[in-house]
Amino acid sequence: MTETFCDSGAVKLKAGANATTALTPANYTQFINQAESFINSVIREDFVATYSGLSDAKKKIIEDAASSHAAMAVINYDMSGYTSRTEAQTMLDVNWARLQEALKLLKTKEVTKFIG
């Protein structure tokens, strides 16, 4: 499958400087595809099908949700590179909060109508 909502660079950025380097491009694609499916299921809208028609500004909230979701999978995959479990947990917490806020916005009818 292809990466629609974000790319591996966005995921790596959110996973942090100490994230594992052992993951392959295919691993990142898998995590991103899982994030896309998760977001579509929660919102009950197939944004993958309509994504190319959205403006760049509108895509950013969806990108934020997907990259946060995928980054949590990367962090969870291997926490050994982080300076402490607390650092890894903080990265997970920040990404979880960003994901939840984005999903809350995307569930709002006004926001999804604005997005298109």
N, C-alpha and C. Protein backbone atom coordinates (compact mmCIF):
# COMPACT_ATOMS: atom_id res chain seq x y z
N MET A 1 0.84 -1.19 0.00
CA MET A 1 0.00 0.00 0.00
C MET A 1 0.88 1.25 0.00
N THR A 2 0.27 2.34 -0.27
CA THR A 2 1.00 3.60 -0.29
C THR A 2 0.73 4.39 0.98
N GLU A 3 1.55 5.36 1.22
CA GLU A 3 1.39 6.26 2.36
C GLU A 3 0.64 7.49 1.87
N THR A 4 -0.55 7.72 2.39
CA THR A 4 -1.38 8.82 1.92
C THR A 4 -1.36 10.00 2.88
N PHE A 5 -1.60 9.77 4.16
CA PHE A 5 -1.78 10.86 5.11
C PHE A 5 -0.47 11.52 5.54
N CYS A 6 0.61 10.77 5.54
CA CYS A 6 1.90 11.31 5.95
C CYS A 6 3.00 10.43 5.39
N ASP A 7 4.23 10.87 5.55
CA ASP A 7 5.36 10.05 5.12
C ASP A 7 6.20 9.66 6.33
N SER A 8 7.18 8.81 6.09
CA SER A 8 7.99 8.32 7.20
C SER A 8 8.77 9.44 7.87
N GLY A 9 9.10 10.49 7.14
CA GLY A 9 9.82 11.62 7.74
C GLY A 9 9.02 12.28 8.85
N ALA A 10 7.71 12.44 8.65
CA ALA A 10 6.86 13.03 9.69
C ALA A 10 6.78 12.12 10.91
N VAL A 11 6.73 10.82 10.66
CA VAL A 11 6.67 9.85 11.76
C VAL A 11 7.97 9.85 12.54
N LYS A 12 9.10 9.84 11.83
CA LYS A 12 10.41 9.85 12.50
C LYS A 12 10.58 11.11 13.34
N LEU A 13 10.14 12.23 12.83
CA LEU A 13 10.24 13.49 13.57
C LEU A 13 9.49 13.40 14.89
N LYS A 14 8.28 12.85 14.86
CA LYS A 14 7.48 12.74 16.07
C LYS A 14 7.95 11.63 17.01
N ALA A 15 8.62 10.62 16.48
CA ALA A 15 9.16 9.56 17.33
C ALA A 15 10.40 10.04 18.08
N GLY A 16 11.03 11.09 17.59
CA GLY A 16 12.14 11.70 18.31
C GLY A 16 13.51 11.24 17.85
N ALA A 17 14.50 11.98 18.29
CA ALA A 17 15.89 11.75 17.87
C ALA A 17 16.43 10.40 18.33
N ASN A 18 15.86 9.84 19.38
CA ASN A 18 16.38 8.59 19.91
C ASN A 18 15.59 7.36 19.50
N ALA A 19 14.70 7.52 18.52
CA ALA A 19 13.92 6.39 18.04
C ALA A 19 14.83 5.38 17.33
N THR A 20 14.40 4.16 17.29
CA THR A 20 15.17 3.10 16.65
C THR A 20 15.43 3.40 15.17
N THR A 21 16.56 2.95 14.70
CA THR A 21 16.88 3.05 13.28
C THR A 21 16.75 1.69 12.59
N ALA A 22 16.25 0.71 13.32
CA ALA A 22 16.16 -0.66 12.80
C ALA A 22 14.97 -0.88 11.88
N LEU A 23 14.02 0.04 11.86
CA LEU A 23 12.82 -0.16 11.04
C LEU A 23 13.11 0.11 9.56
N THR A 24 12.49 -0.66 8.71
CA THR A 24 12.65 -0.51 7.27
C THR A 24 11.58 0.43 6.72
N PRO A 25 11.75 0.91 5.50
CA PRO A 25 10.69 1.71 4.89
C PRO A 25 9.35 0.96 4.86
N ALA A 26 9.39 -0.35 4.64
CA ALA A 26 8.16 -1.15 4.64
C ALA A 26 7.50 -1.15 6.02
N ASN A 27 8.31 -1.15 7.09
CA ASN A 27 7.76 -1.07 8.45
C ASN A 27 7.01 0.24 8.65
N TYR A 28 7.63 1.34 8.20
CA TYR A 28 6.99 2.65 8.32
C TYR A 28 5.69 2.70 7.52
N THR A 29 5.71 2.15 6.32
CA THR A 29 4.49 2.11 5.51
C THR A 29 3.40 1.33 6.23
N GLN A 30 3.77 0.22 6.85
CA GLN A 30 2.79 -0.58 7.60
C GLN A 30 2.18 0.24 8.74
N PHE A 31 3.00 0.91 9.52
CA PHE A 31 2.51 1.73 10.63
C PHE A 31 1.62 2.87 10.13
N ILE A 32 2.00 3.49 9.03
CA ILE A 32 1.21 4.60 8.48
C ILE A 32 -0.12 4.08 7.94
N ASN A 33 -0.11 2.95 7.25
CA ASN A 33 -1.35 2.36 6.75
C ASN A 33 -2.29 1.99 7.88
N GLN A 34 -1.75 1.47 8.97
CA GLN A 34 -2.57 1.16 10.15
C GLN A 34 -3.18 2.43 10.72
N ALA A 35 -2.40 3.50 10.76
CA ALA A 35 -2.90 4.78 11.26
C ALA A 35 -4.03 5.30 10.37
N GLU A 36 -3.85 5.19 9.07
CA GLU A 36 -4.88 5.65 8.14
C GLU A 36 -6.18 4.88 8.33
N SER A 37 -6.08 3.58 8.46
CA SER A 37 -7.27 2.75 8.68
C SER A 37 -7.94 3.10 10.00
N PHE A 38 -7.13 3.29 11.03
CA PHE A 38 -7.65 3.66 12.35
C PHE A 38 -8.42 4.98 12.27
N ILE A 39 -7.82 5.98 11.66
CA ILE A 39 -8.47 7.30 11.56
C ILE A 39 -9.76 7.21 10.76
N ASN A 40 -9.73 6.54 9.62
CA ASN A 40 -10.94 6.37 8.82
C ASN A 40 -12.04 5.67 9.61
N SER A 41 -11.66 4.67 10.40
CA SER A 41 -12.65 3.92 11.19
C SER A 41 -13.25 4.77 12.30
N VAL A 42 -12.41 5.52 12.99
CA VAL A 42 -12.91 6.37 14.08
C VAL A 42 -13.81 7.47 13.54
N ILE A 43 -13.40 8.09 12.44
CA ILE A 43 -14.15 9.21 11.88
C ILE A 43 -15.33 8.72 11.03
N ARG A 44 -15.24 7.49 10.58
CA ARG A 44 -16.26 6.89 9.70
C ARG A 44 -16.37 7.67 8.40
N GLU A 45 -15.20 7.97 7.88
CA GLU A 45 -15.07 8.70 6.61
C GLU A 45 -13.82 8.17 5.92
N ASP A 46 -13.91 7.90 4.64
CA ASP A 46 -12.74 7.40 3.92
C ASP A 46 -11.94 8.57 3.36
N PHE A 47 -11.10 9.15 4.23
CA PHE A 47 -10.28 10.28 3.81
C PHE A 47 -9.21 9.86 2.81
N VAL A 48 -8.83 8.59 2.78
CA VAL A 48 -7.84 8.14 1.80
C VAL A 48 -8.38 8.38 0.39
N ALA A 49 -9.65 8.11 0.20
CA ALA A 49 -10.27 8.25 -1.12
C ALA A 49 -10.38 9.71 -1.56
N THR A 50 -10.54 10.61 -0.62
CA THR A 50 -10.75 12.03 -0.96
C THR A 50 -9.55 12.91 -0.68
N TYR A 51 -8.48 12.33 -0.13
CA TYR A 51 -7.34 13.10 0.35
C TYR A 51 -6.69 13.98 -0.73
N SER A 52 -6.53 13.46 -1.92
CA SER A 52 -5.82 14.21 -2.96
C SER A 52 -6.56 15.49 -3.35
N GLY A 53 -7.85 15.54 -3.12
CA GLY A 53 -8.63 16.73 -3.46
C GLY A 53 -8.65 17.80 -2.38
N LEU A 54 -8.08 17.52 -1.24
CA LEU A 54 -8.08 18.48 -0.14
C LEU A 54 -6.95 19.49 -0.29
N SER A 55 -7.16 20.67 0.24
CA SER A 55 -6.08 21.67 0.23
C SER A 55 -5.00 21.25 1.22
N ASP A 56 -3.80 21.76 1.03
CA ASP A 56 -2.69 21.42 1.92
C ASP A 56 -3.01 21.80 3.37
N ALA A 57 -3.66 22.93 3.57
CA ALA A 57 -3.99 23.36 4.93
C ALA A 57 -4.94 22.38 5.60
N LYS A 58 -5.87 21.85 4.85
CA LYS A 58 -6.84 20.90 5.41
C LYS A 58 -6.22 19.53 5.68
N LYS A 59 -5.20 19.19 4.90
CA LYS A 59 -4.54 17.90 5.08
C LYS A 59 -3.73 17.84 6.37
N LYS A 60 -3.31 18.97 6.90
CA LYS A 60 -2.39 18.98 8.03
C LYS A 60 -2.96 18.36 9.30
N ILE A 61 -4.25 18.54 9.57
CA ILE A 61 -4.83 17.94 10.78
C ILE A 61 -4.87 16.42 10.64
N ILE A 62 -5.13 15.93 9.44
CA ILE A 62 -5.13 14.49 9.20
C ILE A 62 -3.70 13.96 9.27
N GLU A 63 -2.76 14.69 8.71
CA GLU A 63 -1.35 14.31 8.78
C GLU A 63 -0.88 14.25 10.24
N ASP A 64 -1.31 15.22 11.03
CA ASP A 64 -0.93 15.25 12.44
C ASP A 64 -1.41 14.00 13.16
N ALA A 65 -2.66 13.62 12.92
CA ALA A 65 -3.22 12.43 13.57
C ALA A 65 -2.48 11.16 13.12
N ALA A 66 -2.27 11.02 11.83
CA ALA A 66 -1.63 9.81 11.32
C ALA A 66 -0.18 9.69 11.77
N SER A 67 0.56 10.78 11.72
CA SER A 67 1.96 10.71 12.12
C SER A 67 2.10 10.47 13.62
N SER A 68 1.19 11.01 14.41
CA SER A 68 1.22 10.73 15.86
C SER A 68 0.92 9.27 16.14
N HIS A 69 -0.08 8.73 15.46
CA HIS A 69 -0.45 7.33 15.65
C HIS A 69 0.72 6.42 15.26
N ALA A 70 1.29 6.67 14.10
CA ALA A 70 2.40 5.84 13.62
C ALA A 70 3.65 6.01 14.50
N ALA A 71 3.90 7.23 14.98
CA ALA A 71 5.06 7.47 15.84
C ALA A 71 4.95 6.66 17.14
N MET A 72 3.75 6.53 17.67
CA MET A 72 3.58 5.72 18.88
C MET A 72 3.97 4.27 18.62
N ALA A 73 3.65 3.77 17.43
CA ALA A 73 4.03 2.40 17.08
C ALA A 73 5.54 2.27 16.98
N VAL A 74 6.19 3.28 16.42
CA VAL A 74 7.66 3.27 16.31
C VAL A 74 8.29 3.28 17.70
N ILE A 75 7.82 4.15 18.55
CA ILE A 75 8.37 4.25 19.92
C ILE A 75 8.16 2.93 20.66
N ASN A 76 6.97 2.39 20.54
CA ASN A 76 6.65 1.13 21.21
C ASN A 76 7.47 -0.04 20.68
N TYR A 77 7.84 0.01 19.41
CA TYR A 77 8.60 -1.07 18.79
C TYR A 77 9.92 -1.34 19.51
N ASP A 78 10.61 -0.25 19.88
CA ASP A 78 11.90 -0.42 20.55
C ASP A 78 12.23 0.85 21.33
N MET A 79 12.12 0.77 22.64
CA MET A 79 12.37 1.93 23.49
C MET A 79 13.83 2.01 23.96
N SER A 80 14.66 1.07 23.55
CA SER A 80 16.01 0.99 24.10
C SER A 80 16.90 2.17 23.73
N GLY A 81 16.60 2.89 22.68
CA GLY A 81 17.43 4.02 22.27
C GLY A 81 17.18 5.30 23.05
N TYR A 82 16.06 5.35 23.74
CA TYR A 82 15.75 6.55 24.52
C TYR A 82 16.61 6.59 25.78
N THR A 83 16.86 7.77 26.27
CA THR A 83 17.74 7.92 27.43
C THR A 83 17.15 7.31 28.69
N SER A 84 15.82 7.18 28.70
CA SER A 84 15.14 6.56 29.84
C SER A 84 13.73 6.15 29.41
N ARG A 85 13.12 5.32 30.21
CA ARG A 85 11.71 4.96 29.95
C ARG A 85 10.83 6.19 30.07
N THR A 86 11.22 7.11 30.93
CA THR A 86 10.45 8.34 31.10
C THR A 86 10.47 9.16 29.82
N GLU A 87 11.62 9.22 29.15
CA GLU A 87 11.68 9.94 27.88
C GLU A 87 10.76 9.28 26.86
N ALA A 88 10.82 7.96 26.75
CA ALA A 88 9.97 7.26 25.80
C ALA A 88 8.50 7.45 26.15
N GLN A 89 8.17 7.39 27.44
CA GLN A 89 6.78 7.56 27.87
C GLN A 89 6.29 8.98 27.57
N THR A 90 7.15 9.96 27.75
CA THR A 90 6.78 11.34 27.43
C THR A 90 6.49 11.48 25.95
N MET A 91 7.31 10.86 25.11
CA MET A 91 7.08 10.89 23.66
C MET A 91 5.74 10.23 23.32
N LEU A 92 5.45 9.10 23.97
CA LEU A 92 4.17 8.44 23.76
C LEU A 92 3.01 9.33 24.20
N ASP A 93 3.16 9.94 25.37
CA ASP A 93 2.09 10.79 25.92
C ASP A 93 1.80 11.99 25.01
N VAL A 94 2.84 12.63 24.51
CA VAL A 94 2.66 13.78 23.63
C VAL A 94 1.95 13.36 22.34
N ASN A 95 2.39 12.26 21.76
CA ASN A 95 1.75 11.79 20.53
C ASN A 95 0.32 11.33 20.77
N TRP A 96 0.06 10.70 21.90
CA TRP A 96 -1.31 10.28 22.25
C TRP A 96 -2.21 11.50 22.38
N ALA A 97 -1.74 12.53 23.06
CA ALA A 97 -2.55 13.74 23.24
C ALA A 97 -2.83 14.41 21.90
N ARG A 98 -1.83 14.49 21.04
CA ARG A 98 -2.03 15.09 19.71
C ARG A 98 -3.03 14.28 18.89
N LEU A 99 -2.92 12.96 18.94
CA LEU A 99 -3.85 12.11 18.22
C LEU A 99 -5.27 12.31 18.72
N GLN A 100 -5.44 12.29 20.03
CA GLN A 100 -6.78 12.44 20.60
C GLN A 100 -7.41 13.78 20.26
N GLU A 101 -6.60 14.85 20.31
CA GLU A 101 -7.12 16.18 19.97
C GLU A 101 -7.51 16.24 18.49
N ALA A 102 -6.69 15.68 17.62
CA ALA A 102 -7.01 15.68 16.19
C ALA A 102 -8.27 14.86 15.92
N LEU A 103 -8.40 13.70 16.56
CA LEU A 103 -9.60 12.88 16.36
C LEU A 103 -10.84 13.59 16.87
N LYS A 104 -10.70 14.27 17.98
CA LYS A 104 -11.84 15.03 18.52
C LYS A 104 -12.29 16.09 17.51
N LEU A 105 -11.34 16.79 16.92
CA LEU A 105 -11.68 17.79 15.91
C LEU A 105 -12.29 17.15 14.67
N LEU A 106 -11.70 16.05 14.22
CA LEU A 106 -12.20 15.39 13.01
C LEU A 106 -13.58 14.78 13.20
N LYS A 107 -13.94 14.45 14.42
CA LYS A 107 -15.28 13.92 14.71
C LYS A 107 -16.34 15.01 14.70
N THR A 108 -15.92 16.26 14.81
CA THR A 108 -16.86 17.37 14.84
C THR A 108 -17.37 17.62 13.43
N LYS A 109 -18.67 17.64 13.28
CA LYS A 109 -19.28 17.80 11.95
C LYS A 109 -18.82 19.08 11.26
N GLU A 110 -18.67 20.16 12.00
CA GLU A 110 -18.23 21.41 11.40
C GLU A 110 -16.84 21.29 10.80
N VAL A 111 -15.97 20.57 11.49
CA VAL A 111 -14.60 20.40 11.02
C VAL A 111 -14.57 19.51 9.79
N THR A 112 -15.27 18.38 9.84
CA THR A 112 -15.27 17.49 8.67
C THR A 112 -15.95 18.16 7.47
N LYS A 113 -16.93 18.99 7.73
CA LYS A 113 -17.56 19.74 6.62
C LYS A 113 -16.56 20.74 6.06
N PHE A 114 -15.81 21.40 6.93
CA PHE A 114 -14.78 22.35 6.48
C PHE A 114 -13.70 21.64 5.67
N ILE A 115 -13.31 20.46 6.13
CA ILE A 115 -12.26 19.70 5.44
C ILE A 115 -12.74 19.27 4.06
N GLY A 116 -13.99 18.92 3.97
CA GLY A 116 -14.50 18.59 2.64
C GLY A 116 -15.04 17.20 2.57
